[in-house]
Amino acid sequence: MTNETVRTKFEYVDDDEPEDADALLRGTIKLLFDEYGEMDEDELAVAYGARGVELYRELKNAGN
């Protein structure tokens, strides 16, 4: 997956709105999870913060 793929999928998301920003983060985490499966939570925390880790855990638990 390239940066262009991620950019294209979320081109119309307005990141000034909190719900849109959360949707963008949720979509990004989902794309990463779909592409790579399990990931290191510490690395996710650095890149996407606590909310990114929370969304990752939700996706991971939904798969079980």
PDB file of N, CA and C in Angstrom:
ATOM      1  N   MET A   1       0.856  -1.168   0.000  1.00  0.00           N
ATOM      2  CA  MET A   1       0.000   0.000   0.000  1.00  0.00           C
ATOM      3  C   MET A   1       0.903   1.232   0.000  1.00  0.00           C
ATOM      4  N   THR A   2       0.531   2.193  -0.800  1.00  0.00           N
ATOM      5  CA  THR A   2       1.339   3.409  -0.884  1.00  0.00           C
ATOM      6  C   THR A   2       0.638   4.554  -0.182  1.00  0.00           C
ATOM      7  N   ASN A   3       1.380   5.616   0.060  1.00  0.00           N
ATOM      8  CA  ASN A   3       0.784   6.820   0.636  1.00  0.00           C
ATOM      9  C   ASN A   3      -0.319   7.357  -0.268  1.00  0.00           C
ATOM     10  N   GLU A   4      -0.146   7.196  -1.575  1.00  0.00           N
ATOM     11  CA  GLU A   4      -1.150   7.657  -2.531  1.00  0.00           C
ATOM     12  C   GLU A   4      -2.469   6.930  -2.328  1.00  0.00           C
ATOM     13  N   THR A   5      -2.414   5.635  -2.024  1.00  0.00           N
ATOM     14  CA  THR A   5      -3.636   4.865  -1.771  1.00  0.00           C
ATOM     15  C   THR A   5      -4.381   5.423  -0.581  1.00  0.00           C
ATOM     16  N   VAL A   6      -3.665   5.671   0.512  1.00  0.00           N
ATOM     17  CA  VAL A   6      -4.291   6.218   1.713  1.00  0.00           C
ATOM     18  C   VAL A   6      -4.842   7.605   1.427  1.00  0.00           C
ATOM     19  N   ARG A   7      -4.086   8.435   0.748  1.00  0.00           N
ATOM     20  CA  ARG A   7      -4.518   9.795   0.438  1.00  0.00           C
ATOM     21  C   ARG A   7      -5.786   9.778  -0.412  1.00  0.00           C
ATOM     22  N   THR A   8      -5.842   8.903  -1.399  1.00  0.00           N
ATOM     23  CA  THR A   8      -7.003   8.829  -2.284  1.00  0.00           C
ATOM     24  C   THR A   8      -8.242   8.384  -1.523  1.00  0.00           C
ATOM     25  N   LYS A   9      -8.121   7.412  -0.654  1.00  0.00           N
ATOM     26  CA  LYS A   9      -9.271   6.895   0.070  1.00  0.00           C
ATOM     27  C   LYS A   9      -9.878   7.937   1.004  1.00  0.00           C
ATOM     28  N   PHE A  10      -9.079   8.875   1.496  1.00  0.00           N
ATOM     29  CA  PHE A  10      -9.552   9.827   2.485  1.00  0.00           C
ATOM     30  C   PHE A  10      -9.489  11.268   1.983  1.00  0.00           C
ATOM     31  N   GLU A  11      -9.476  11.447   0.696  1.00  0.00           N
ATOM     32  CA  GLU A  11      -9.322  12.757   0.091  1.00  0.00           C
ATOM     33  C   GLU A  11     -10.398  13.745   0.537  1.00  0.00           C
ATOM     34  N   TYR A  12     -11.609  13.270   0.761  1.00  0.00           N
ATOM     35  CA  TYR A  12     -12.720  14.170   1.043  1.00  0.00           C
ATOM     36  C   TYR A  12     -13.053  14.302   2.533  1.00  0.00           C
ATOM     37  N   VAL A  13     -12.213  13.785   3.397  1.00  0.00           N
ATOM     38  CA  VAL A  13     -12.451  13.894   4.836  1.00  0.00           C
ATOM     39  C   VAL A  13     -11.963  15.252   5.311  1.00  0.00           C
ATOM     40  N   ASP A  14     -12.816  15.962   6.027  1.00  0.00           N
ATOM     41  CA  ASP A  14     -12.465  17.267   6.577  1.00  0.00           C
ATOM     42  C   ASP A  14     -11.897  17.056   7.972  1.00  0.00           C
ATOM     43  N   ASP A  15     -10.574  17.159   8.103  1.00  0.00           N
ATOM     44  CA  ASP A  15      -9.961  16.854   9.399  1.00  0.00           C
ATOM     45  C   ASP A  15     -10.096  17.989  10.406  1.00  0.00           C
ATOM     46  N   ASP A  16     -10.823  19.049  10.066  1.00  0.00           N
ATOM     47  CA  ASP A  16     -11.116  20.107  11.036  1.00  0.00           C
ATOM     48  C   ASP A  16     -12.269  19.723  11.949  1.00  0.00           C
ATOM     49  N   GLU A  17     -13.062  18.763  11.542  1.00  0.00           N
ATOM     50  CA  GLU A  17     -14.191  18.299  12.332  1.00  0.00           C
ATOM     51  C   GLU A  17     -13.763  17.077  13.139  1.00  0.00           C
ATOM     52  N   PRO A  18     -13.995  17.085  14.461  1.00  0.00           N
ATOM     53  CA  PRO A  18     -13.536  15.959  15.294  1.00  0.00           C
ATOM     54  C   PRO A  18     -14.048  14.597  14.839  1.00  0.00           C
ATOM     55  N   GLU A  19     -15.312  14.517  14.439  1.00  0.00           N
ATOM     56  CA  GLU A  19     -15.830  13.211  14.015  1.00  0.00           C
ATOM     57  C   GLU A  19     -15.192  12.762  12.708  1.00  0.00           C
ATOM     58  N   ASP A  20     -14.855  13.724  11.828  1.00  0.00           N
ATOM     59  CA  ASP A  20     -14.170  13.367  10.592  1.00  0.00           C
ATOM     60  C   ASP A  20     -12.737  12.933  10.870  1.00  0.00           C
ATOM     61  N   ALA A  21     -12.085  13.596  11.810  1.00  0.00           N
ATOM     62  CA  ALA A  21     -10.719  13.225  12.170  1.00  0.00           C
ATOM     63  C   ALA A  21     -10.699  11.814  12.758  1.00  0.00           C
ATOM     64  N   ASP A  22     -11.696  11.482  13.575  1.00  0.00           N
ATOM     65  CA  ASP A  22     -11.771  10.142  14.155  1.00  0.00           C
ATOM     66  C   ASP A  22     -12.035   9.119  13.054  1.00  0.00           C
ATOM     67  N   ALA A  23     -12.884   9.459  12.105  1.00  0.00           N
ATOM     68  CA  ALA A  23     -13.168   8.552  10.989  1.00  0.00           C
ATOM     69  C   ALA A  23     -11.910   8.335  10.146  1.00  0.00           C
ATOM     70  N   LEU A  24     -11.144   9.389   9.950  1.00  0.00           N
ATOM     71  CA  LEU A  24      -9.892   9.276   9.202  1.00  0.00           C
ATOM     72  C   LEU A  24      -8.912   8.366   9.936  1.00  0.00           C
ATOM     73  N   LEU A  25      -8.773   8.563  11.236  1.00  0.00           N
ATOM     74  CA  LEU A  25      -7.871   7.728  12.017  1.00  0.00           C
ATOM     75  C   LEU A  25      -8.354   6.275  12.018  1.00  0.00           C
ATOM     76  N   ARG A  26      -9.649   6.070  12.193  1.00  0.00           N
ATOM     77  CA  ARG A  26     -10.211   4.721  12.180  1.00  0.00           C
ATOM     78  C   ARG A  26      -9.923   4.045  10.836  1.00  0.00           C
ATOM     79  N   GLY A  27     -10.127   4.757   9.751  1.00  0.00           N
ATOM     80  CA  GLY A  27      -9.860   4.199   8.421  1.00  0.00           C
ATOM     81  C   GLY A  27      -8.397   3.878   8.204  1.00  0.00           C
ATOM     82  N   THR A  28      -7.521   4.746   8.703  1.00  0.00           N
ATOM     83  CA  THR A  28      -6.087   4.521   8.578  1.00  0.00           C
ATOM     84  C   THR A  28      -5.659   3.279   9.350  1.00  0.00           C
ATOM     85  N   ILE A  29      -6.123   3.162  10.579  1.00  0.00           N
ATOM     86  CA  ILE A  29      -5.785   1.998  11.398  1.00  0.00           C
ATOM     87  C   ILE A  29      -6.339   0.727  10.754  1.00  0.00           C
ATOM     88  N   LYS A  30      -7.550   0.799  10.207  1.00  0.00           N
ATOM     89  CA  LYS A  30      -8.151  -0.370   9.544  1.00  0.00           C
ATOM     90  C   LYS A  30      -7.328  -0.783   8.327  1.00  0.00           C
ATOM     91  N   LEU A  31      -6.902   0.182   7.530  1.00  0.00           N
ATOM     92  CA  LEU A  31      -6.069  -0.145   6.367  1.00  0.00           C
ATOM     93  C   LEU A  31      -4.761  -0.803   6.798  1.00  0.00           C
ATOM     94  N   LEU A  32      -4.135  -0.257   7.832  1.00  0.00           N
ATOM     95  CA  LEU A  32      -2.891  -0.845   8.330  1.00  0.00           C
ATOM     96  C   LEU A  32      -3.120  -2.249   8.865  1.00  0.00           C
ATOM     97  N   PHE A  33      -4.199  -2.427   9.610  1.00  0.00           N
ATOM     98  CA  PHE A  33      -4.511  -3.740  10.183  1.00  0.00           C
ATOM     99  C   PHE A  33      -4.792  -4.754   9.070  1.00  0.00           C
ATOM    100  N   ASP A  34      -5.555  -4.340   8.079  1.00  0.00           N
ATOM    101  CA  ASP A  34      -5.863  -5.230   6.952  1.00  0.00           C
ATOM    102  C   ASP A  34      -4.591  -5.610   6.193  1.00  0.00           C
ATOM    103  N   GLU A  35      -3.674  -4.661   6.070  1.00  0.00           N
ATOM    104  CA  GLU A  35      -2.451  -4.892   5.308  1.00  0.00           C
ATOM    105  C   GLU A  35      -1.419  -5.706   6.095  1.00  0.00           C
ATOM    106  N   TYR A  36      -1.246  -5.394   7.384  1.00  0.00           N
ATOM    107  CA  TYR A  36      -0.135  -5.972   8.149  1.00  0.00           C
ATOM    108  C   TYR A  36      -0.552  -6.900   9.283  1.00  0.00           C
ATOM    109  N   GLY A  37      -1.826  -6.965   9.616  1.00  0.00           N
ATOM    110  CA  GLY A  37      -2.254  -7.809  10.731  1.00  0.00           C
ATOM    111  C   GLY A  37      -1.829  -7.208  12.056  1.00  0.00           C
ATOM    112  N   GLU A  38      -1.315  -8.047  12.943  1.00  0.00           N
ATOM    113  CA  GLU A  38      -0.932  -7.555  14.263  1.00  0.00           C
ATOM    114  C   GLU A  38       0.275  -6.633  14.157  1.00  0.00           C
ATOM    115  N   MET A  39       0.207  -5.540  14.934  1.00  0.00           N
ATOM    116  CA  MET A  39       1.268  -4.536  14.924  1.00  0.00           C
ATOM    117  C   MET A  39       1.706  -4.254  16.350  1.00  0.00           C
ATOM    118  N   ASP A  40       2.850  -3.637  16.480  1.00  0.00           N
ATOM    119  CA  ASP A  40       3.390  -3.271  17.785  1.00  0.00           C
ATOM    120  C   ASP A  40       2.626  -2.061  18.318  1.00  0.00           C
ATOM    121  N   GLU A  41       2.010  -2.209  19.485  1.00  0.00           N
ATOM    122  CA  GLU A  41       1.190  -1.129  20.051  1.00  0.00           C
ATOM    123  C   GLU A  41       2.018   0.086  20.440  1.00  0.00           C
ATOM    124  N   ASP A  42       3.264  -0.115  20.838  1.00  0.00           N
ATOM    125  CA  ASP A  42       4.126   1.023  21.178  1.00  0.00           C
ATOM    126  C   ASP A  42       4.399   1.882  19.943  1.00  0.00           C
ATOM    127  N   GLU A  43       4.640   1.232  18.813  1.00  0.00           N
ATOM    128  CA  GLU A  43       4.864   1.971  17.568  1.00  0.00           C
ATOM    129  C   GLU A  43       3.595   2.700  17.132  1.00  0.00           C
ATOM    130  N   LEU A  44       2.456   2.051  17.290  1.00  0.00           N
ATOM    131  CA  LEU A  44       1.191   2.703  16.962  1.00  0.00           C
ATOM    132  C   LEU A  44       0.959   3.923  17.848  1.00  0.00           C
ATOM    133  N   ALA A  45       1.299   3.796  19.127  1.00  0.00           N
ATOM    134  CA  ALA A  45       1.109   4.909  20.066  1.00  0.00           C
ATOM    135  C   ALA A  45       1.954   6.105  19.660  1.00  0.00           C
ATOM    136  N   VAL A  46       3.168   5.860  19.220  1.00  0.00           N
ATOM    137  CA  VAL A  46       4.040   6.951  18.789  1.00  0.00           C
ATOM    138  C   VAL A  46       3.467   7.625  17.541  1.00  0.00           C
ATOM    139  N   ALA A  47       3.011   6.820  16.602  1.00  0.00           N
ATOM    140  CA  ALA A  47       2.533   7.357  15.329  1.00  0.00           C
ATOM    141  C   ALA A  47       1.113   7.912  15.393  1.00  0.00           C
ATOM    142  N   TYR A  48       0.221   7.268  16.174  1.00  0.00           N
ATOM    143  CA  TYR A  48      -1.200   7.616  16.131  1.00  0.00           C
ATOM    144  C   TYR A  48      -1.818   7.940  17.480  1.00  0.00           C
ATOM    145  N   GLY A  49      -1.014   7.929  18.523  1.00  0.00           N
ATOM    146  CA  GLY A  49      -1.509   8.295  19.847  1.00  0.00           C
ATOM    147  C   GLY A  49      -2.373   7.227  20.490  1.00  0.00           C
ATOM    148  N   ALA A  50      -2.890   7.593  21.650  1.00  0.00           N
ATOM    149  CA  ALA A  50      -3.698   6.649  22.438  1.00  0.00           C
ATOM    150  C   ALA A  50      -4.961   6.234  21.683  1.00  0.00           C
ATOM    151  N   ARG A  51      -5.569   7.164  20.963  1.00  0.00           N
ATOM    152  CA  ARG A  51      -6.793   6.836  20.215  1.00  0.00           C
ATOM    153  C   ARG A  51      -6.504   5.812  19.116  1.00  0.00           C
ATOM    154  N   GLY A  52      -5.356   5.929  18.470  1.00  0.00           N
ATOM    155  CA  GLY A  52      -4.980   4.960  17.454  1.00  0.00           C
ATOM    156  C   GLY A  52      -4.826   3.566  18.032  1.00  0.00           C
ATOM    157  N   VAL A  53      -4.215   3.471  19.215  1.00  0.00           N
ATOM    158  CA  VAL A  53      -4.060   2.173  19.878  1.00  0.00           C
ATOM    159  C   VAL A  53      -5.425   1.626  20.280  1.00  0.00           C
ATOM    160  N   GLU A  54      -6.288   2.488  20.770  1.00  0.00           N
ATOM    161  CA  GLU A  54      -7.640   2.061  21.154  1.00  0.00           C
ATOM    162  C   GLU A  54      -8.395   1.488  19.949  1.00  0.00           C
ATOM    163  N   LEU A  55      -8.322   2.174  18.820  1.00  0.00           N
ATOM    164  CA  LEU A  55      -8.994   1.692  17.609  1.00  0.00           C
ATOM    165  C   LEU A  55      -8.383   0.373  17.133  1.00  0.00           C
ATOM    166  N   TYR A  56      -7.072   0.272  17.223  1.00  0.00           N
ATOM    167  CA  TYR A  56      -6.392  -0.972  16.844  1.00  0.00           C
ATOM    168  C   TYR A  56      -6.872  -2.134  17.711  1.00  0.00           C
ATOM    169  N   ARG A  57      -6.967  -1.902  19.010  1.00  0.00           N
ATOM    170  CA  ARG A  57      -7.435  -2.960  19.920  1.00  0.00           C
ATOM    171  C   ARG A  57      -8.871  -3.369  19.597  1.00  0.00           C
ATOM    172  N   GLU A  58      -9.713  -2.389  19.242  1.00  0.00           N
ATOM    173  CA  GLU A  58     -11.089  -2.709  18.858  1.00  0.00           C
ATOM    174  C   GLU A  58     -11.107  -3.621  17.631  1.00  0.00           C
ATOM    175  N   LEU A  59     -10.308  -3.281  16.627  1.00  0.00           N
ATOM    176  CA  LEU A  59     -10.238  -4.107  15.414  1.00  0.00           C
ATOM    177  C   LEU A  59      -9.685  -5.491  15.728  1.00  0.00           C
ATOM    178  N   LYS A  60      -8.652  -5.535  16.529  1.00  0.00           N
ATOM    179  CA  LYS A  60      -8.015  -6.801  16.888  1.00  0.00           C
ATOM    180  C   LYS A  60      -8.997  -7.699  17.648  1.00  0.00           C
ATOM    181  N   ASN A  61      -9.732  -7.120  18.598  1.00  0.00           N
ATOM    182  CA  ASN A  61     -10.694  -7.903  19.380  1.00  0.00           C
ATOM    183  C   ASN A  61     -11.896  -8.328  18.545  1.00  0.00           C
ATOM    184  N   ALA A  62     -12.278  -7.523  17.582  1.00  0.00           N
ATOM    185  CA  ALA A  62     -13.405  -7.870  16.711  1.00  0.00           C
ATOM    186  C   ALA A  62     -13.058  -9.069  15.833  1.00  0.00           C
ATOM    187  N   GLY A  63     -11.776  -9.228  15.543  1.00  0.00           N
ATOM    188  CA  GLY A  63     -11.338 -10.348  14.712  1.00  0.00           C
ATOM    189  C   GLY A  63     -11.288 -11.665  15.453  1.00  0.00           C
ATOM    190  N   ASN A  64     -11.309 -11.624  16.768  1.00  0.00           N
ATOM    191  CA  ASN A  64     -11.219 -12.859  17.578  1.00  0.00           C
ATOM    192  C   ASN A  64     -12.555 -13.474  17.808  1.00  0.00           C
TER     193      ASN A  64
END
